[in-house]
Amino acid sequence: MRGLLRSAAGFAAAGVLTLAVAAPASAHSDLEDASPGPGDDVATGSTTVHLLFGEGVEDDDEANQVTLEGPDGDAVAVGAVSVVDDGMGVCVATDALEPGEHTLDWRVMSVDGHLVQSRYAFEVSDGGEPADGAACEGADLAAPEAADAGGIPTPVLAGGGAVLLAAAVGAFVWRVRSDRRPGAGEGDTPA
């Protein structure tokens, strides 16, 4: 019984430590401003997207991604992500946007080493405001390329965390069961 209590106390301490370490990590590069932004109505023909973050973004071509889905559900061609605003934002060139609701998925690597991602929708219409592309002027934006309609994949981090949690629970259950078996800790030979 003493072993069970020790194991439970150890797992409780590990859980508290995990929460204490994870809490400060929530201050990653949150989206602070965008053009077009969530819920905006932008003019037909807009060709740039600018995202501004509260913390720095790494210049990582593989991690940083922006994908765009048009009103028909098809992918809109988007160029490679360029880091701008002294590392606080990103810009991409897009094909001219057509009228209808668009969904933008973004993912960036924070300077703290964590992937941050989200999605939002905005409207494109003939009466919409022109997208504010001033922050992207002067940036070396890659021409839009045919996009993969699959969107941004969910990071493996969540799956890895689930595997670690399952392993910890399995180890705990194994420990409890081994403590309860008759003769646990004794030799297998009769006395």
N, C-alpha and C. Protein backbone atom coordinates (compact mmCIF):
# COMPACT_ATOMS: atom_id res chain seq x y z
N MET A 1 0.82 -1.18 0.00
CA MET A 1 0.00 0.00 0.00
C MET A 1 0.87 1.25 0.00
N ARG A 2 1.98 1.19 0.73
CA ARG A 2 2.88 2.34 0.79
C ARG A 2 3.44 2.65 -0.61
N GLY A 3 3.74 1.61 -1.39
CA GLY A 3 4.25 1.78 -2.76
C GLY A 3 3.22 2.46 -3.64
N LEU A 4 1.94 2.09 -3.46
CA LEU A 4 0.86 2.69 -4.23
C LEU A 4 0.76 4.18 -3.92
N LEU A 5 0.84 4.54 -2.65
CA LEU A 5 0.76 5.94 -2.27
C LEU A 5 1.95 6.73 -2.81
N ARG A 6 3.13 6.13 -2.76
CA ARG A 6 4.30 6.80 -3.31
C ARG A 6 4.15 7.04 -4.81
N SER A 7 3.66 6.01 -5.52
CA SER A 7 3.46 6.14 -6.97
C SER A 7 2.43 7.21 -7.29
N ALA A 8 1.33 7.21 -6.55
CA ALA A 8 0.28 8.22 -6.78
C ALA A 8 0.81 9.61 -6.50
N ALA A 9 1.59 9.78 -5.45
CA ALA A 9 2.16 11.09 -5.12
C ALA A 9 3.13 11.52 -6.22
N GLY A 10 3.90 10.59 -6.74
CA GLY A 10 4.84 10.91 -7.81
C GLY A 10 4.13 11.36 -9.07
N PHE A 11 3.05 10.67 -9.44
CA PHE A 11 2.29 11.05 -10.62
C PHE A 11 1.59 12.39 -10.42
N ALA A 12 1.09 12.64 -9.22
CA ALA A 12 0.46 13.93 -8.93
C ALA A 12 1.47 15.06 -9.06
N ALA A 13 2.68 14.85 -8.52
CA ALA A 13 3.73 15.87 -8.61
C ALA A 13 4.11 16.11 -10.08
N ALA A 14 4.20 15.04 -10.86
CA ALA A 14 4.53 15.18 -12.28
C ALA A 14 3.44 15.95 -13.01
N GLY A 15 2.19 15.70 -12.69
CA GLY A 15 1.07 16.43 -13.30
C GLY A 15 1.11 17.90 -12.98
N VAL A 16 1.38 18.24 -11.70
CA VAL A 16 1.46 19.64 -11.30
C VAL A 16 2.61 20.32 -12.02
N LEU A 17 3.76 19.66 -12.11
CA LEU A 17 4.92 20.22 -12.80
C LEU A 17 4.61 20.44 -14.27
N THR A 18 3.94 19.49 -14.91
CA THR A 18 3.58 19.63 -16.31
C THR A 18 2.69 20.84 -16.52
N LEU A 19 1.69 21.03 -15.67
CA LEU A 19 0.81 22.19 -15.79
C LEU A 19 1.55 23.49 -15.54
N ALA A 20 2.46 23.49 -14.58
CA ALA A 20 3.21 24.70 -14.25
C ALA A 20 4.12 25.10 -15.41
N VAL A 21 4.70 24.12 -16.09
CA VAL A 21 5.58 24.42 -17.22
C VAL A 21 4.76 24.82 -18.44
N ALA A 22 3.60 24.19 -18.64
CA ALA A 22 2.78 24.47 -19.83
C ALA A 22 2.08 25.81 -19.75
N ALA A 23 1.75 26.30 -18.57
CA ALA A 23 1.00 27.55 -18.45
C ALA A 23 1.71 28.73 -19.09
N PRO A 24 3.01 28.97 -18.83
CA PRO A 24 3.66 30.10 -19.47
C PRO A 24 3.79 29.94 -20.98
N ALA A 25 3.73 28.72 -21.48
CA ALA A 25 3.89 28.50 -22.91
C ALA A 25 2.69 28.98 -23.71
N SER A 26 1.63 29.41 -23.06
CA SER A 26 0.46 29.87 -23.80
C SER A 26 0.66 31.25 -24.39
N ALA A 27 1.75 31.91 -24.11
CA ALA A 27 2.01 33.26 -24.61
C ALA A 27 2.80 33.22 -25.91
N HIS A 28 2.42 32.38 -26.85
CA HIS A 28 3.11 32.27 -28.13
C HIS A 28 2.70 33.43 -29.03
N SER A 29 3.09 33.35 -30.27
CA SER A 29 2.80 34.40 -31.26
C SER A 29 1.33 34.41 -31.65
N ASP A 30 0.50 35.05 -30.84
CA ASP A 30 -0.92 35.16 -31.16
C ASP A 30 -1.12 36.21 -32.25
N LEU A 31 -2.09 35.97 -33.11
CA LEU A 31 -2.42 36.91 -34.17
C LEU A 31 -3.02 38.17 -33.57
N GLU A 32 -2.42 39.33 -33.86
CA GLU A 32 -2.92 40.60 -33.33
C GLU A 32 -3.67 41.41 -34.37
N ASP A 33 -3.26 41.29 -35.63
CA ASP A 33 -3.90 42.06 -36.69
C ASP A 33 -3.68 41.32 -38.01
N ALA A 34 -4.57 41.54 -38.96
CA ALA A 34 -4.44 40.89 -40.25
C ALA A 34 -5.15 41.71 -41.31
N SER A 35 -4.67 41.59 -42.55
CA SER A 35 -5.35 42.19 -43.69
C SER A 35 -5.25 41.21 -44.85
N PRO A 36 -6.37 40.67 -45.30
CA PRO A 36 -7.69 40.77 -44.68
C PRO A 36 -7.73 40.03 -43.35
N GLY A 37 -8.52 40.55 -42.45
CA GLY A 37 -8.65 39.98 -41.12
C GLY A 37 -9.93 39.19 -40.95
N PRO A 38 -10.07 38.55 -39.79
CA PRO A 38 -11.28 37.77 -39.52
C PRO A 38 -12.54 38.63 -39.66
N GLY A 39 -13.47 38.18 -40.49
CA GLY A 39 -14.75 38.87 -40.67
C GLY A 39 -14.70 40.09 -41.58
N ASP A 40 -13.52 40.45 -42.10
CA ASP A 40 -13.41 41.62 -42.99
C ASP A 40 -14.16 41.38 -44.29
N ASP A 41 -14.50 42.49 -44.96
CA ASP A 41 -15.06 42.47 -46.30
C ASP A 41 -14.08 43.24 -47.18
N VAL A 42 -13.29 42.51 -47.98
CA VAL A 42 -12.26 43.15 -48.81
C VAL A 42 -12.67 43.16 -50.27
N ALA A 43 -12.04 44.05 -51.01
CA ALA A 43 -12.37 44.26 -52.41
C ALA A 43 -11.96 43.07 -53.28
N THR A 44 -12.77 42.79 -54.26
CA THR A 44 -12.45 41.78 -55.26
C THR A 44 -11.13 42.15 -55.91
N GLY A 45 -10.28 41.15 -56.16
CA GLY A 45 -9.01 41.39 -56.82
C GLY A 45 -7.84 41.59 -55.87
N SER A 46 -8.07 41.62 -54.55
CA SER A 46 -6.97 41.76 -53.59
C SER A 46 -5.97 40.64 -53.83
N THR A 47 -4.65 40.94 -53.63
CA THR A 47 -3.62 39.95 -53.97
C THR A 47 -2.56 39.75 -52.89
N THR A 48 -2.76 40.28 -51.69
CA THR A 48 -1.80 40.04 -50.61
C THR A 48 -2.53 39.76 -49.30
N VAL A 49 -1.84 39.01 -48.44
CA VAL A 49 -2.31 38.75 -47.07
C VAL A 49 -1.17 39.16 -46.14
N HIS A 50 -1.50 39.93 -45.09
CA HIS A 50 -0.53 40.34 -44.09
C HIS A 50 -1.04 39.91 -42.72
N LEU A 51 -0.22 39.20 -41.97
CA LEU A 51 -0.56 38.76 -40.61
C LEU A 51 0.47 39.35 -39.65
N LEU A 52 0.00 39.98 -38.58
CA LEU A 52 0.88 40.59 -37.58
C LEU A 52 0.68 39.88 -36.25
N PHE A 53 1.78 39.50 -35.58
CA PHE A 53 1.73 38.71 -34.35
C PHE A 53 2.24 39.50 -33.15
N GLY A 54 1.85 39.07 -31.97
CA GLY A 54 2.24 39.73 -30.72
C GLY A 54 3.66 39.40 -30.30
N GLU A 55 4.22 38.32 -30.81
CA GLU A 55 5.60 37.93 -30.52
C GLU A 55 6.26 37.56 -31.83
N GLY A 56 7.57 37.47 -31.82
CA GLY A 56 8.33 37.21 -33.03
C GLY A 56 8.05 35.88 -33.68
N VAL A 57 8.33 35.83 -34.98
CA VAL A 57 8.13 34.65 -35.81
C VAL A 57 9.47 34.27 -36.43
N GLU A 58 9.81 32.99 -36.36
CA GLU A 58 11.03 32.51 -37.00
C GLU A 58 10.89 32.55 -38.52
N ASP A 59 11.99 32.78 -39.21
CA ASP A 59 12.00 32.73 -40.67
C ASP A 59 12.23 31.28 -41.07
N ASP A 60 11.17 30.47 -41.06
CA ASP A 60 11.24 29.02 -41.27
C ASP A 60 10.31 28.65 -42.42
N ASP A 61 10.91 28.41 -43.60
CA ASP A 61 10.12 28.14 -44.80
C ASP A 61 9.23 26.91 -44.69
N GLU A 62 9.65 25.91 -43.94
CA GLU A 62 8.84 24.69 -43.83
C GLU A 62 7.73 24.83 -42.80
N ALA A 63 8.00 25.50 -41.70
CA ALA A 63 6.99 25.62 -40.63
C ALA A 63 5.95 26.68 -40.94
N ASN A 64 6.38 27.82 -41.46
CA ASN A 64 5.46 28.92 -41.74
C ASN A 64 4.67 28.65 -43.00
N GLN A 65 3.35 28.60 -42.86
CA GLN A 65 2.49 28.30 -44.00
C GLN A 65 1.22 29.14 -43.93
N VAL A 66 0.75 29.53 -45.10
CA VAL A 66 -0.55 30.16 -45.24
C VAL A 66 -1.24 29.46 -46.39
N THR A 67 -2.46 29.00 -46.16
CA THR A 67 -3.26 28.43 -47.24
C THR A 67 -4.59 29.18 -47.26
N LEU A 68 -5.20 29.19 -48.42
CA LEU A 68 -6.42 29.95 -48.61
C LEU A 68 -7.40 29.12 -49.42
N GLU A 69 -8.63 29.07 -48.93
CA GLU A 69 -9.70 28.34 -49.61
C GLU A 69 -10.73 29.34 -50.10
N GLY A 70 -11.08 29.22 -51.38
CA GLY A 70 -12.05 30.13 -51.98
C GLY A 70 -13.48 29.75 -51.68
N PRO A 71 -14.42 30.55 -52.19
CA PRO A 71 -15.84 30.31 -51.90
C PRO A 71 -16.37 28.98 -52.41
N ASP A 72 -15.73 28.42 -53.42
CA ASP A 72 -16.18 27.13 -53.97
C ASP A 72 -15.53 25.95 -53.25
N GLY A 73 -14.69 26.23 -52.24
CA GLY A 73 -14.02 25.18 -51.49
C GLY A 73 -12.68 24.78 -52.08
N ASP A 74 -12.34 25.34 -53.24
CA ASP A 74 -11.06 25.02 -53.88
C ASP A 74 -9.95 25.89 -53.30
N ALA A 75 -8.74 25.37 -53.37
CA ALA A 75 -7.58 26.11 -52.87
C ALA A 75 -7.29 27.29 -53.80
N VAL A 76 -6.93 28.42 -53.19
CA VAL A 76 -6.49 29.60 -53.93
C VAL A 76 -4.97 29.58 -53.91
N ALA A 77 -4.34 29.84 -55.05
CA ALA A 77 -2.89 29.84 -55.13
C ALA A 77 -2.30 30.91 -54.21
N VAL A 78 -1.27 30.52 -53.44
CA VAL A 78 -0.61 31.40 -52.48
C VAL A 78 0.90 31.22 -52.65
N GLY A 79 1.64 32.32 -52.56
CA GLY A 79 3.10 32.25 -52.64
C GLY A 79 3.70 31.83 -51.31
N ALA A 80 5.02 31.69 -51.30
CA ALA A 80 5.74 31.32 -50.07
C ALA A 80 5.62 32.46 -49.05
N VAL A 81 5.68 32.10 -47.78
CA VAL A 81 5.56 33.06 -46.69
C VAL A 81 6.85 33.86 -46.58
N SER A 82 6.71 35.19 -46.48
CA SER A 82 7.85 36.08 -46.24
C SER A 82 7.67 36.71 -44.86
N VAL A 83 8.71 36.64 -44.02
CA VAL A 83 8.66 37.26 -42.70
C VAL A 83 8.97 38.74 -42.87
N VAL A 84 8.11 39.61 -42.27
CA VAL A 84 8.23 41.07 -42.38
C VAL A 84 8.09 41.69 -41.00
N ASP A 85 8.01 43.01 -40.94
CA ASP A 85 7.77 43.74 -39.70
C ASP A 85 8.80 43.39 -38.63
N ASP A 86 10.07 43.37 -39.01
CA ASP A 86 11.15 43.04 -38.07
C ASP A 86 10.89 41.72 -37.35
N GLY A 87 10.36 40.74 -38.09
CA GLY A 87 10.12 39.41 -37.53
C GLY A 87 8.81 39.27 -36.78
N MET A 88 7.96 40.28 -36.82
CA MET A 88 6.69 40.23 -36.10
C MET A 88 5.49 39.87 -36.99
N GLY A 89 5.71 39.77 -38.30
CA GLY A 89 4.60 39.50 -39.19
C GLY A 89 5.03 38.68 -40.39
N VAL A 90 4.04 38.27 -41.18
CA VAL A 90 4.29 37.55 -42.42
C VAL A 90 3.39 38.11 -43.51
N CYS A 91 3.85 38.00 -44.75
CA CYS A 91 3.08 38.38 -45.93
C CYS A 91 3.14 37.26 -46.94
N VAL A 92 2.07 37.13 -47.72
CA VAL A 92 2.05 36.22 -48.86
C VAL A 92 1.32 36.90 -50.01
N ALA A 93 1.73 36.55 -51.23
CA ALA A 93 1.02 36.97 -52.43
C ALA A 93 -0.01 35.90 -52.75
N THR A 94 -1.16 36.31 -53.27
CA THR A 94 -2.21 35.36 -53.65
C THR A 94 -2.67 35.66 -55.07
N ASP A 95 -3.34 34.71 -55.68
CA ASP A 95 -4.05 35.02 -56.91
C ASP A 95 -5.12 36.05 -56.56
N ALA A 96 -5.58 36.81 -57.56
CA ALA A 96 -6.63 37.80 -57.33
C ALA A 96 -7.86 37.11 -56.73
N LEU A 97 -8.33 37.65 -55.60
CA LEU A 97 -9.44 37.03 -54.89
C LEU A 97 -10.76 37.33 -55.57
N GLU A 98 -11.59 36.30 -55.69
CA GLU A 98 -12.90 36.42 -56.31
C GLU A 98 -13.97 36.60 -55.24
N PRO A 99 -15.14 37.13 -55.60
CA PRO A 99 -16.20 37.35 -54.61
C PRO A 99 -16.63 36.06 -53.90
N GLY A 100 -16.95 36.21 -52.62
CA GLY A 100 -17.43 35.09 -51.81
C GLY A 100 -16.63 34.96 -50.53
N GLU A 101 -17.04 34.00 -49.68
CA GLU A 101 -16.35 33.79 -48.41
C GLU A 101 -15.09 32.95 -48.62
N HIS A 102 -13.99 33.42 -48.03
CA HIS A 102 -12.71 32.73 -48.10
C HIS A 102 -12.31 32.29 -46.69
N THR A 103 -11.60 31.17 -46.61
CA THR A 103 -11.09 30.69 -45.32
C THR A 103 -9.57 30.64 -45.40
N LEU A 104 -8.93 31.31 -44.45
CA LEU A 104 -7.48 31.39 -44.40
C LEU A 104 -6.97 30.56 -43.23
N ASP A 105 -6.04 29.64 -43.51
CA ASP A 105 -5.36 28.85 -42.47
C ASP A 105 -3.93 29.37 -42.40
N TRP A 106 -3.44 29.60 -41.20
CA TRP A 106 -2.04 30.02 -41.05
C TRP A 106 -1.37 29.20 -39.96
N ARG A 107 -0.06 29.06 -40.13
CA ARG A 107 0.77 28.38 -39.13
C ARG A 107 2.14 29.04 -39.16
N VAL A 108 2.65 29.42 -37.99
CA VAL A 108 3.98 30.03 -37.90
C VAL A 108 4.76 29.39 -36.75
N MET A 109 6.07 29.47 -36.88
CA MET A 109 6.97 29.02 -35.82
C MET A 109 7.32 30.24 -34.97
N SER A 110 6.89 30.23 -33.72
CA SER A 110 7.20 31.30 -32.77
C SER A 110 8.69 31.32 -32.49
N VAL A 111 9.20 32.47 -32.08
CA VAL A 111 10.62 32.53 -31.72
C VAL A 111 10.91 31.67 -30.49
N ASP A 112 9.87 31.30 -29.73
CA ASP A 112 10.08 30.40 -28.59
C ASP A 112 10.10 28.93 -29.01
N GLY A 113 10.01 28.67 -30.33
CA GLY A 113 10.13 27.31 -30.84
C GLY A 113 8.83 26.55 -30.94
N HIS A 114 7.69 27.18 -30.68
CA HIS A 114 6.40 26.48 -30.75
C HIS A 114 5.66 26.85 -32.03
N LEU A 115 5.01 25.84 -32.62
CA LEU A 115 4.13 26.10 -33.75
C LEU A 115 2.82 26.67 -33.24
N VAL A 116 2.35 27.71 -33.89
CA VAL A 116 1.07 28.33 -33.55
C VAL A 116 0.26 28.37 -34.83
N GLN A 117 -1.01 28.03 -34.74
CA GLN A 117 -1.83 28.01 -35.95
C GLN A 117 -3.27 28.35 -35.64
N SER A 118 -3.97 28.79 -36.66
CA SER A 118 -5.39 29.07 -36.53
C SER A 118 -5.98 29.23 -37.93
N ARG A 119 -7.25 29.55 -37.95
CA ARG A 119 -7.95 29.80 -39.21
C ARG A 119 -9.03 30.82 -38.96
N TYR A 120 -9.40 31.51 -40.02
CA TYR A 120 -10.51 32.45 -39.94
C TYR A 120 -11.09 32.66 -41.33
N ALA A 121 -12.27 33.25 -41.37
CA ALA A 121 -12.95 33.51 -42.64
C ALA A 121 -13.08 35.02 -42.85
N PHE A 122 -13.12 35.41 -44.11
CA PHE A 122 -13.37 36.80 -44.49
C PHE A 122 -14.14 36.79 -45.80
N GLU A 123 -14.76 37.89 -46.10
CA GLU A 123 -15.59 38.02 -47.29
C GLU A 123 -14.84 38.83 -48.35
N VAL A 124 -15.06 38.50 -49.62
CA VAL A 124 -14.53 39.28 -50.73
C VAL A 124 -15.74 39.71 -51.55
N SER A 125 -15.85 41.03 -51.81
CA SER A 125 -16.99 41.53 -52.59
C SER A 125 -16.58 42.74 -53.41
N ASP A 126 -17.40 43.06 -54.41
CA ASP A 126 -17.13 44.22 -55.25
C ASP A 126 -17.18 45.52 -54.44
N GLY A 127 -17.97 45.56 -53.38
CA GLY A 127 -18.09 46.76 -52.56
C GLY A 127 -17.17 46.77 -51.35
N GLY A 128 -16.30 45.79 -51.22
CA GLY A 128 -15.41 45.70 -50.06
C GLY A 128 -14.30 46.72 -50.08
N GLU A 129 -13.66 46.90 -48.93
CA GLU A 129 -12.52 47.81 -48.80
C GLU A 129 -11.28 47.14 -49.37
N PRO A 130 -10.40 47.90 -50.00
CA PRO A 130 -9.15 47.29 -50.47
C PRO A 130 -8.36 46.74 -49.29
N ALA A 131 -7.75 45.58 -49.48
CA ALA A 131 -6.90 45.01 -48.42
C ALA A 131 -5.71 45.94 -48.24
N ASP A 132 -5.27 46.10 -46.99
CA ASP A 132 -4.14 46.97 -46.68
C ASP A 132 -2.84 46.21 -46.92
N GLY A 133 -2.23 46.43 -48.06
CA GLY A 133 -1.01 45.72 -48.40
C GLY A 133 0.25 46.51 -48.12
N ALA A 134 0.13 47.66 -47.43
CA ALA A 134 1.29 48.54 -47.18
C ALA A 134 2.43 47.81 -46.47
N ALA A 135 2.11 46.96 -45.51
CA ALA A 135 3.16 46.26 -44.75
C ALA A 135 3.91 45.27 -45.64
N CYS A 136 3.31 44.87 -46.75
CA CYS A 136 3.94 43.90 -47.64
C CYS A 136 4.72 44.58 -48.77
N GLU A 137 4.56 45.90 -48.92
CA GLU A 137 5.31 46.61 -49.97
C GLU A 137 6.80 46.53 -49.66
N GLY A 138 7.56 46.25 -50.66
CA GLY A 138 9.00 46.14 -50.48
C GLY A 138 9.46 44.75 -50.09
N ALA A 139 8.53 43.91 -49.64
CA ALA A 139 8.89 42.52 -49.30
C ALA A 139 9.07 41.74 -50.60
N ASP A 140 9.99 40.82 -50.61
CA ASP A 140 10.24 40.00 -51.78
C ASP A 140 9.26 38.82 -51.77
N LEU A 141 8.03 39.09 -52.24
CA LEU A 141 6.99 38.06 -52.20
C LEU A 141 7.09 37.12 -53.40
N ALA A 142 7.07 35.83 -53.12
CA ALA A 142 7.08 34.82 -54.16
C ALA A 142 5.73 34.80 -54.85
N ALA A 143 5.75 34.56 -56.15
CA ALA A 143 4.51 34.47 -56.91
C ALA A 143 3.65 33.33 -56.40
N PRO A 144 2.33 33.50 -56.47
CA PRO A 144 1.44 32.42 -56.01
C PRO A 144 1.66 31.14 -56.82
N GLU A 145 1.59 30.02 -56.12
CA GLU A 145 1.72 28.70 -56.75
C GLU A 145 0.45 27.91 -56.47
N ALA A 146 0.15 26.96 -57.33
CA ALA A 146 -1.01 26.11 -57.11
C ALA A 146 -0.93 25.54 -55.70
N ALA A 147 -2.04 25.60 -54.98
CA ALA A 147 -2.05 25.21 -53.58
C ALA A 147 -2.59 23.81 -53.40
N ASP A 148 -2.18 23.18 -52.30
CA ASP A 148 -2.69 21.87 -51.91
C ASP A 148 -3.98 22.11 -51.14
N ALA A 149 -5.07 21.51 -51.57
CA ALA A 149 -6.37 21.73 -50.93
C ALA A 149 -6.48 21.06 -49.58
N GLY A 150 -5.44 20.35 -49.14
CA GLY A 150 -5.51 19.63 -47.88
C GLY A 150 -5.41 20.52 -46.65
N GLY A 151 -5.05 21.79 -46.79
CA GLY A 151 -4.93 22.67 -45.64
C GLY A 151 -3.66 22.37 -44.86
N ILE A 152 -3.54 22.99 -43.72
CA ILE A 152 -2.37 22.82 -42.88
C ILE A 152 -2.59 21.63 -41.95
N PRO A 153 -1.67 20.66 -41.95
CA PRO A 153 -1.85 19.50 -41.08
C PRO A 153 -1.68 19.89 -39.61
N THR A 154 -2.39 19.20 -38.73
CA THR A 154 -2.27 19.44 -37.30
C THR A 154 -0.90 18.97 -36.83
N PRO A 155 -0.22 19.76 -35.99
CA PRO A 155 1.12 19.35 -35.54
C PRO A 155 1.09 18.02 -34.80
N VAL A 156 2.17 17.31 -34.91
CA VAL A 156 2.31 16.00 -34.29
C VAL A 156 2.43 16.13 -32.77
N LEU A 157 2.68 17.34 -32.30
CA LEU A 157 2.87 17.56 -30.87
C LEU A 157 1.70 17.03 -30.04
N ALA A 158 0.47 17.28 -30.47
CA ALA A 158 -0.69 16.81 -29.70
C ALA A 158 -0.70 15.28 -29.63
N GLY A 159 -0.39 14.62 -30.73
CA GLY A 159 -0.35 13.16 -30.73
C GLY A 159 0.76 12.63 -29.84
N GLY A 160 1.91 13.29 -29.86
CA GLY A 160 3.02 12.88 -29.01
C GLY A 160 2.68 13.01 -27.54
N GLY A 161 1.98 14.09 -27.18
CA GLY A 161 1.56 14.28 -25.80
C GLY A 161 0.60 13.19 -25.35
N ALA A 162 -0.30 12.80 -26.24
CA ALA A 162 -1.26 11.74 -25.91
C ALA A 162 -0.53 10.40 -25.70
N VAL A 163 0.47 10.13 -26.52
CA VAL A 163 1.24 8.89 -26.37
C VAL A 163 1.98 8.88 -25.04
N LEU A 164 2.60 10.01 -24.68
CA LEU A 164 3.31 10.09 -23.40
C LEU A 164 2.36 9.91 -22.22
N LEU A 165 1.19 10.52 -22.30
CA LEU A 165 0.21 10.37 -21.23
C LEU A 165 -0.23 8.91 -21.11
N ALA A 166 -0.50 8.26 -22.24
CA ALA A 166 -0.91 6.86 -22.22
C ALA A 166 0.20 5.98 -21.63
N ALA A 167 1.46 6.28 -21.96
CA ALA A 167 2.57 5.50 -21.41
C ALA A 167 2.67 5.69 -19.90
N ALA A 168 2.47 6.92 -19.42
CA ALA A 168 2.53 7.18 -17.98
C ALA A 168 1.40 6.44 -17.25
N VAL A 169 0.20 6.48 -17.80
CA VAL A 169 -0.93 5.77 -17.19
C VAL A 169 -0.66 4.27 -17.19
N GLY A 170 -0.14 3.75 -18.31
CA GLY A 170 0.17 2.33 -18.39
C GLY A 170 1.21 1.92 -17.36
N ALA A 171 2.24 2.74 -17.17
CA ALA A 171 3.27 2.44 -16.17
C ALA A 171 2.68 2.45 -14.76
N PHE A 172 1.79 3.39 -14.50
CA PHE A 172 1.14 3.48 -13.20
C PHE A 172 0.30 2.23 -12.94
N VAL A 173 -0.51 1.82 -13.92
CA VAL A 173 -1.36 0.64 -13.77
C VAL A 173 -0.49 -0.60 -13.58
N TRP A 174 0.57 -0.72 -14.35
CA TRP A 174 1.47 -1.87 -14.21
C TRP A 174 2.07 -1.91 -12.82
N ARG A 175 2.47 -0.75 -12.32
CA ARG A 175 3.07 -0.69 -10.98
C ARG A 175 2.07 -1.10 -9.90
N VAL A 176 0.84 -0.61 -10.01
CA VAL A 176 -0.20 -0.94 -9.03
C VAL A 176 -0.49 -2.44 -9.07
N ARG A 177 -0.62 -3.00 -10.26
CA ARG A 177 -0.91 -4.43 -10.38
C ARG A 177 0.23 -5.29 -9.86
N SER A 178 1.46 -4.88 -10.13
CA SER A 178 2.60 -5.68 -9.66
C SER A 178 2.71 -5.63 -8.14
N ASP A 179 2.29 -4.52 -7.52
CA ASP A 179 2.30 -4.42 -6.05
C ASP A 179 1.23 -5.30 -5.42
N ARG A 180 0.16 -5.58 -6.13
CA ARG A 180 -0.97 -6.35 -5.58
C ARG A 180 -0.80 -7.85 -5.76
N ARG A 181 0.06 -8.30 -6.64
CA ARG A 181 0.21 -9.74 -6.88
C ARG A 181 0.78 -10.42 -5.65
N PRO A 182 0.27 -11.61 -5.35
CA PRO A 182 0.85 -12.36 -4.23
C PRO A 182 2.31 -12.67 -4.52
N GLY A 183 3.13 -12.44 -3.55
CA GLY A 183 4.54 -12.77 -3.69
C GLY A 183 5.31 -11.75 -4.49
N ALA A 184 4.71 -10.57 -4.75
CA ALA A 184 5.41 -9.54 -5.52
C ALA A 184 6.68 -9.16 -4.79
N GLY A 185 7.76 -9.15 -5.51
CA GLY A 185 9.04 -8.77 -4.91
C GLY A 185 9.75 -9.95 -4.30
N GLU A 186 9.13 -11.10 -4.17
CA GLU A 186 9.79 -12.28 -3.59
C GLU A 186 10.24 -13.18 -4.73
N GLY A 187 11.12 -14.06 -4.45
CA GLY A 187 11.58 -15.01 -5.46
C GLY A 187 10.46 -15.95 -5.86
N ASP A 188 10.58 -16.57 -7.02
CA ASP A 188 9.54 -17.49 -7.51
C ASP A 188 9.73 -18.90 -6.99
N THR A 189 10.77 -19.14 -6.27
CA THR A 189 11.01 -20.51 -5.78
C THR A 189 10.35 -20.68 -4.42
N PRO A 190 9.70 -21.84 -4.17
CA PRO A 190 9.04 -22.05 -2.87
C PRO A 190 10.07 -22.14 -1.75
N ALA A 191 9.67 -21.74 -0.56
CA ALA A 191 10.56 -21.72 0.59
C ALA A 191 10.67 -23.07 1.25
